[in-house]
Amino acid sequence: MKPELERVAIAYIAGGPLRRVWIAATQTEVVQVGLAGSKKRFIQELKNQNYTPGGPDKWLAKAARQLTEYLAGKRRVFSLAVSLPAGPPFSRRVFQLLRKVPYGTTLTYQQLARRAASPKASRAVGNIMAANPLPLIIPCHRVVATAGLGGFGGGLKMKQALLDMEGARLRFRAPRPSRNRTAPRS
């Protein structure tokens, strides 16, 4: 028997260096943020996680306001209830630590692995970033490789634009992302 899908409200926000940010929320928490792709693709991703559109817009009001403020450069910290992905304790610890990385700062995958008490798990941290369902709110764009940007679900050009918007200083000179190259999601 198929599980019943939980209703979510969905909308998009435009602004800042991003064309469109999709957001989905239940009555109590934000469950998904999408940085790229169509509405159809976003809804399919939600269905894959047992959600279906149909919740009232009021469920999105606070999240939409905060994301709009962030993209306008007026918000540095989110105060939203979020649905952290189910997973092993290490993944949950990485997401919790990442939410504490301040606006305008970066750290490497290796530094985040150390903070999560697993100094040799930088590759695992990268895989966790690639599965982040709440980019911007859980700011995976602030995690970079030791000698480059690393990856990002919205592409390296978008990652660089977000870091520039925040005024982040990188310790290396980031190469200009190629127009035709897509990077793994993080």
C-alpha atoms as a PDB file:
ATOM      1  CA  MET A   1       0.000   0.000   0.000  1.00  0.00           C
ATOM      2  CA  LYS A   2       1.342   3.412  -1.018  1.00  0.00           C
ATOM      3  CA  PRO A   3       1.882   5.931   1.813  1.00  0.00           C
ATOM      4  CA  GLU A   4      -0.353   9.001   1.748  1.00  0.00           C
ATOM      5  CA  LEU A   5       1.393  12.126   0.505  1.00  0.00           C
ATOM      6  CA  GLU A   6       1.674  15.045   2.940  1.00  0.00           C
ATOM      7  CA  ARG A   7       0.400  18.366   1.620  1.00  0.00           C
ATOM      8  CA  VAL A   8       2.785  21.282   1.182  1.00  0.00           C
ATOM      9  CA  ALA A   9       2.409  24.836  -0.023  1.00  0.00           C
ATOM     10  CA  ILE A  10       4.774  25.795  -2.845  1.00  0.00           C
ATOM     11  CA  ALA A  11       5.836  29.104  -4.336  1.00  0.00           C
ATOM     12  CA  TYR A  12       8.801  30.782  -5.907  1.00  0.00           C
ATOM     13  CA  ILE A  13      10.773  33.835  -4.923  1.00  0.00           C
ATOM     14  CA  ALA A  14      12.835  35.865  -7.387  1.00  0.00           C
ATOM     15  CA  GLY A  15      15.658  38.228  -6.623  1.00  0.00           C
ATOM     16  CA  GLY A  16      19.284  38.671  -5.794  1.00  0.00           C
ATOM     17  CA  PRO A  17      21.689  36.681  -7.947  1.00  0.00           C
ATOM     18  CA  LEU A  18      19.094  33.940  -8.485  1.00  0.00           C
ATOM     19  CA  ARG A  19      16.370  33.891 -11.107  1.00  0.00           C
ATOM     20  CA  ARG A  20      13.944  31.798  -9.133  1.00  0.00           C
ATOM     21  CA  VAL A  21      13.997  29.976  -5.803  1.00  0.00           C
ATOM     22  CA  TRP A  22      11.306  27.347  -5.247  1.00  0.00           C
ATOM     23  CA  ILE A  23      10.160  26.734  -1.706  1.00  0.00           C
ATOM     24  CA  ALA A  24       7.866  24.149  -0.116  1.00  0.00           C
ATOM     25  CA  ALA A  25       6.554  24.137   3.432  1.00  0.00           C
ATOM     26  CA  THR A  26       4.154  22.182   5.574  1.00  0.00           C
ATOM     27  CA  GLN A  27       2.100  23.909   8.223  1.00  0.00           C
ATOM     28  CA  THR A  28       5.070  23.707  10.615  1.00  0.00           C
ATOM     29  CA  GLU A  29       8.340  23.671   8.657  1.00  0.00           C
ATOM     30  CA  VAL A  30      10.177  24.284   5.409  1.00  0.00           C
ATOM     31  CA  VAL A  31      10.822  20.957   3.685  1.00  0.00           C
ATOM     32  CA  GLN A  32      12.459  21.838   0.358  1.00  0.00           C
ATOM     33  CA  VAL A  33      14.233  24.693  -1.405  1.00  0.00           C
ATOM     34  CA  GLY A  34      14.991  24.399  -5.106  1.00  0.00           C
ATOM     35  CA  LEU A  35      17.507  26.663  -6.825  1.00  0.00           C
ATOM     36  CA  ALA A  36      17.238  25.466 -10.377  1.00  0.00           C
ATOM     37  CA  GLY A  37      14.701  23.813 -12.555  1.00  0.00           C
ATOM     38  CA  SER A  38      11.081  24.044 -13.470  1.00  0.00           C
ATOM     39  CA  LYS A  39       7.988  23.875 -11.319  1.00  0.00           C
ATOM     40  CA  LYS A  40       7.300  20.424 -12.773  1.00  0.00           C
ATOM     41  CA  ARG A  41      10.738  19.180 -11.689  1.00  0.00           C
ATOM     42  CA  PHE A  42      10.354  20.716  -8.227  1.00  0.00           C
ATOM     43  CA  ILE A  43       6.965  19.039  -7.749  1.00  0.00           C
ATOM     44  CA  GLN A  44       8.424  15.707  -8.868  1.00  0.00           C
ATOM     45  CA  GLU A  45      11.211  16.027  -6.289  1.00  0.00           C
ATOM     46  CA  LEU A  46       8.577  16.717  -3.640  1.00  0.00           C
ATOM     47  CA  LYS A  47       6.544  13.670  -4.685  1.00  0.00           C
ATOM     48  CA  ASN A  48       9.688  11.536  -4.448  1.00  0.00           C
ATOM     49  CA  GLN A  49       9.793  12.597  -0.779  1.00  0.00           C
ATOM     50  CA  ASN A  50       6.074  11.870  -0.183  1.00  0.00           C
ATOM     51  CA  TYR A  51       4.850  15.471  -0.462  1.00  0.00           C
ATOM     52  CA  THR A  52       2.185  16.879  -2.766  1.00  0.00           C
ATOM     53  CA  PRO A  53       1.237  20.491  -3.523  1.00  0.00           C
ATOM     54  CA  GLY A  54      -1.988  21.750  -2.022  1.00  0.00           C
ATOM     55  CA  GLY A  55      -1.269  23.553   1.222  1.00  0.00           C
ATOM     56  CA  PRO A  56      -2.407  27.141   1.774  1.00  0.00           C
ATOM     57  CA  ASP A  57      -0.042  30.016   0.968  1.00  0.00           C
ATOM     58  CA  LYS A  58      -0.019  31.144   4.605  1.00  0.00           C
ATOM     59  CA  TRP A  59       2.254  28.169   5.356  1.00  0.00           C
ATOM     60  CA  LEU A  60       4.929  29.906   3.262  1.00  0.00           C
ATOM     61  CA  ALA A  61       4.589  33.479   4.505  1.00  0.00           C
ATOM     62  CA  LYS A  62       7.478  33.553   6.993  1.00  0.00           C
ATOM     63  CA  ALA A  63       9.861  31.521   4.814  1.00  0.00           C
ATOM     64  CA  ALA A  64       9.065  33.539   1.680  1.00  0.00           C
ATOM     65  CA  ARG A  65       9.609  36.802   3.563  1.00  0.00           C
ATOM     66  CA  GLN A  66      12.955  35.659   4.997  1.00  0.00           C
ATOM     67  CA  LEU A  67      14.231  34.305   1.671  1.00  0.00           C
ATOM     68  CA  THR A  68      13.204  37.533  -0.087  1.00  0.00           C
ATOM     69  CA  GLU A  69      15.044  39.549   2.580  1.00  0.00           C
ATOM     70  CA  TYR A  70      18.136  37.337   2.207  1.00  0.00           C
ATOM     71  CA  LEU A  71      18.181  37.719  -1.580  1.00  0.00           C
ATOM     72  CA  ALA A  72      17.838  41.504  -1.164  1.00  0.00           C
ATOM     73  CA  GLY A  73      20.864  41.536   1.172  1.00  0.00           C
ATOM     74  CA  LYS A  74      18.735  42.487   4.193  1.00  0.00           C
ATOM     75  CA  ARG A  75      18.818  39.206   6.137  1.00  0.00           C
ATOM     76  CA  ARG A  76      21.870  37.306   7.342  1.00  0.00           C
ATOM     77  CA  VAL A  77      20.311  34.664   9.610  1.00  0.00           C
ATOM     78  CA  PHE A  78      17.233  32.516   9.023  1.00  0.00           C
ATOM     79  CA  SER A  79      14.880  31.767  11.892  1.00  0.00           C
ATOM     80  CA  LEU A  80      12.803  29.048  10.277  1.00  0.00           C
ATOM     81  CA  ALA A  81      11.739  25.619  11.402  1.00  0.00           C
ATOM     82  CA  VAL A  82      13.114  23.148   8.866  1.00  0.00           C
ATOM     83  CA  SER A  83      12.794  19.479   8.169  1.00  0.00           C
ATOM     84  CA  LEU A  84      16.312  18.095   8.318  1.00  0.00           C
ATOM     85  CA  PRO A  85      16.762  15.081   6.092  1.00  0.00           C
ATOM     86  CA  ALA A  86      16.566  11.719   7.795  1.00  0.00           C
ATOM     87  CA  GLY A  87      19.904  10.036   7.834  1.00  0.00           C
ATOM     88  CA  PRO A  88      22.769   8.896   9.963  1.00  0.00           C
ATOM     89  CA  PRO A  89      23.797  10.982  12.977  1.00  0.00           C
ATOM     90  CA  PHE A  90      26.898  12.241  11.121  1.00  0.00           C
ATOM     91  CA  SER A  91      24.736  13.780   8.361  1.00  0.00           C
ATOM     92  CA  ARG A  92      22.431  15.457  10.838  1.00  0.00           C
ATOM     93  CA  ARG A  93      25.442  16.814  12.772  1.00  0.00           C
ATOM     94  CA  VAL A  94      26.939  18.240   9.549  1.00  0.00           C
ATOM     95  CA  PHE A  95      23.636  19.984   8.663  1.00  0.00           C
ATOM     96  CA  GLN A  96      23.331  21.396  12.187  1.00  0.00           C
ATOM     97  CA  LEU A  97      26.909  22.702  12.129  1.00  0.00           C
ATOM     98  CA  LEU A  98      26.431  24.175   8.681  1.00  0.00           C
ATOM     99  CA  ARG A  99      23.431  26.220   9.842  1.00  0.00           C
ATOM    100  CA  LYS A 100      25.845  27.977  12.238  1.00  0.00           C
ATOM    101  CA  VAL A 101      28.320  29.104   9.559  1.00  0.00           C
ATOM    102  CA  PRO A 102      28.021  32.905   9.545  1.00  0.00           C
ATOM    103  CA  TYR A 103      26.896  34.956   6.570  1.00  0.00           C
ATOM    104  CA  GLY A 104      29.827  36.065   4.424  1.00  0.00           C
ATOM    105  CA  THR A 105      32.213  33.364   5.620  1.00  0.00           C
ATOM    106  CA  THR A 106      33.350  30.110   4.106  1.00  0.00           C
ATOM    107  CA  LEU A 107      34.938  26.942   5.338  1.00  0.00           C
ATOM    108  CA  THR A 108      36.300  23.931   3.531  1.00  0.00           C
ATOM    109  CA  TYR A 109      34.778  20.479   3.369  1.00  0.00           C
ATOM    110  CA  GLN A 110      37.728  19.343   5.495  1.00  0.00           C
ATOM    111  CA  GLN A 111      37.108  22.021   8.150  1.00  0.00           C
ATOM    112  CA  LEU A 112      33.451  21.044   8.362  1.00  0.00           C
ATOM    113  CA  ALA A 113      34.441  17.374   8.703  1.00  0.00           C
ATOM    114  CA  ARG A 114      36.754  18.313  11.594  1.00  0.00           C
ATOM    115  CA  ARG A 115      33.987  20.297  13.304  1.00  0.00           C
ATOM    116  CA  ALA A 116      31.774  17.221  12.971  1.00  0.00           C
ATOM    117  CA  ALA A 117      34.485  15.190  14.782  1.00  0.00           C
ATOM    118  CA  SER A 118      35.414  13.166  11.678  1.00  0.00           C
ATOM    119  CA  PRO A 119      38.538  14.842  10.274  1.00  0.00           C
ATOM    120  CA  LYS A 120      38.990  12.305   7.467  1.00  0.00           C
ATOM    121  CA  ALA A 121      35.384  12.553   6.224  1.00  0.00           C
ATOM    122  CA  SER A 122      35.649  15.544   3.872  1.00  0.00           C
ATOM    123  CA  ARG A 123      34.392  13.449   0.932  1.00  0.00           C
ATOM    124  CA  ALA A 124      31.402  12.345   3.019  1.00  0.00           C
ATOM    125  CA  VAL A 125      30.727  16.001   3.853  1.00  0.00           C
ATOM    126  CA  GLY A 126      30.701  16.755   0.118  1.00  0.00           C
ATOM    127  CA  ASN A 127      28.160  13.979  -0.451  1.00  0.00           C
ATOM    128  CA  ILE A 128      25.991  15.355   2.348  1.00  0.00           C
ATOM    129  CA  MET A 129      26.152  18.835   0.795  1.00  0.00           C
ATOM    130  CA  ALA A 130      25.075  17.321  -2.543  1.00  0.00           C
ATOM    131  CA  ALA A 131      21.924  15.959  -0.857  1.00  0.00           C
ATOM    132  CA  ASN A 132      21.002  19.210   0.924  1.00  0.00           C
ATOM    133  CA  PRO A 133      17.269  19.804   0.365  1.00  0.00           C
ATOM    134  CA  LEU A 134      17.409  23.291   1.916  1.00  0.00           C
ATOM    135  CA  PRO A 135      20.159  25.304   0.195  1.00  0.00           C
ATOM    136  CA  LEU A 136      20.401  28.924   1.353  1.00  0.00           C
ATOM    137  CA  ILE A 137      18.670  28.062   4.659  1.00  0.00           C
ATOM    138  CA  ILE A 138      21.295  25.375   5.275  1.00  0.00           C
ATOM    139  CA  PRO A 139      24.024  27.345   3.473  1.00  0.00           C
ATOM    140  CA  CYS A 140      25.980  24.688   1.599  1.00  0.00           C
ATOM    141  CA  HIS A 141      27.232  27.402  -0.786  1.00  0.00           C
ATOM    142  CA  ARG A 142      29.522  28.519   2.069  1.00  0.00           C
ATOM    143  CA  VAL A 143      31.430  25.219   1.950  1.00  0.00           C
ATOM    144  CA  VAL A 144      34.283  25.251  -0.551  1.00  0.00           C
ATOM    145  CA  ALA A 145      37.106  22.983  -1.621  1.00  0.00           C
ATOM    146  CA  THR A 146      40.628  23.632  -0.375  1.00  0.00           C
ATOM    147  CA  ALA A 147      41.697  25.086  -3.727  1.00  0.00           C
ATOM    148  CA  GLY A 148      38.452  25.964  -5.472  1.00  0.00           C
ATOM    149  CA  LEU A 149      34.737  26.391  -5.174  1.00  0.00           C
ATOM    150  CA  GLY A 150      33.879  22.690  -5.019  1.00  0.00           C
ATOM    151  CA  GLY A 151      30.396  21.827  -6.247  1.00  0.00           C
ATOM    152  CA  PHE A 152      26.908  23.284  -6.004  1.00  0.00           C
ATOM    153  CA  GLY A 153      23.483  22.126  -7.181  1.00  0.00           C
ATOM    154  CA  GLY A 154      22.698  25.465  -8.786  1.00  0.00           C
ATOM    155  CA  GLY A 155      26.059  25.503 -10.580  1.00  0.00           C
ATOM    156  CA  LEU A 156      29.365  27.152  -9.766  1.00  0.00           C
ATOM    157  CA  LYS A 157      28.344  30.487 -11.288  1.00  0.00           C
ATOM    158  CA  MET A 158      25.419  30.660  -8.847  1.00  0.00           C
ATOM    159  CA  LYS A 159      27.625  29.595  -5.921  1.00  0.00           C
ATOM    160  CA  GLN A 160      30.121  32.342  -6.747  1.00  0.00           C
ATOM    161  CA  ALA A 161      27.293  34.893  -7.103  1.00  0.00           C
ATOM    162  CA  LEU A 162      25.905  33.962  -3.662  1.00  0.00           C
ATOM    163  CA  LEU A 163      29.346  34.231  -2.071  1.00  0.00           C
ATOM    164  CA  ASP A 164      29.916  37.586  -3.797  1.00  0.00           C
ATOM    165  CA  MET A 165      26.504  38.818  -2.609  1.00  0.00           C
ATOM    166  CA  GLU A 166      27.490  37.909   0.957  1.00  0.00           C
ATOM    167  CA  GLY A 167      30.909  39.526   0.572  1.00  0.00           C
ATOM    168  CA  ALA A 168      32.709  36.270   1.365  1.00  0.00           C
ATOM    169  CA  ARG A 169      36.472  36.367   1.033  1.00  0.00           C
ATOM    170  CA  LEU A 170      38.058  33.273  -0.439  1.00  0.00           C
ATOM    171  CA  ARG A 171      41.646  32.306   0.335  1.00  0.00           C
ATOM    172  CA  PHE A 172      42.243  31.266  -3.263  1.00  0.00           C
ATOM    173  CA  ARG A 173      41.459  32.837  -6.579  1.00  0.00           C
ATOM    174  CA  ALA A 174      38.376  31.069  -7.817  1.00  0.00           C
ATOM    175  CA  PRO A 175      38.512  30.198 -11.504  1.00  0.00           C
ATOM    176  CA  ARG A 176      35.635  31.578 -13.552  1.00  0.00           C
ATOM    177  CA  PRO A 177      33.054  28.817 -13.884  1.00  0.00           C
ATOM    178  CA  SER A 178      32.542  27.510 -17.400  1.00  0.00           C
ATOM    179  CA  ARG A 179      29.161  28.224 -18.986  1.00  0.00           C
ATOM    180  CA  ASN A 180      28.675  24.635 -20.127  1.00  0.00           C
ATOM    181  CA  ARG A 181      29.929  22.846 -17.058  1.00  0.00           C
ATOM    182  CA  THR A 182      27.530  21.711 -14.372  1.00  0.00           C
ATOM    183  CA  ALA A 183      28.787  20.694 -10.986  1.00  0.00           C
ATOM    184  CA  PRO A 184      27.406  18.162  -8.546  1.00  0.00           C
ATOM    185  CA  ARG A 185      24.724  19.540  -6.229  1.00  0.00           C
ATOM    186  CA  SER A 186      25.828  20.731  -2.810  1.00  0.00           C
END
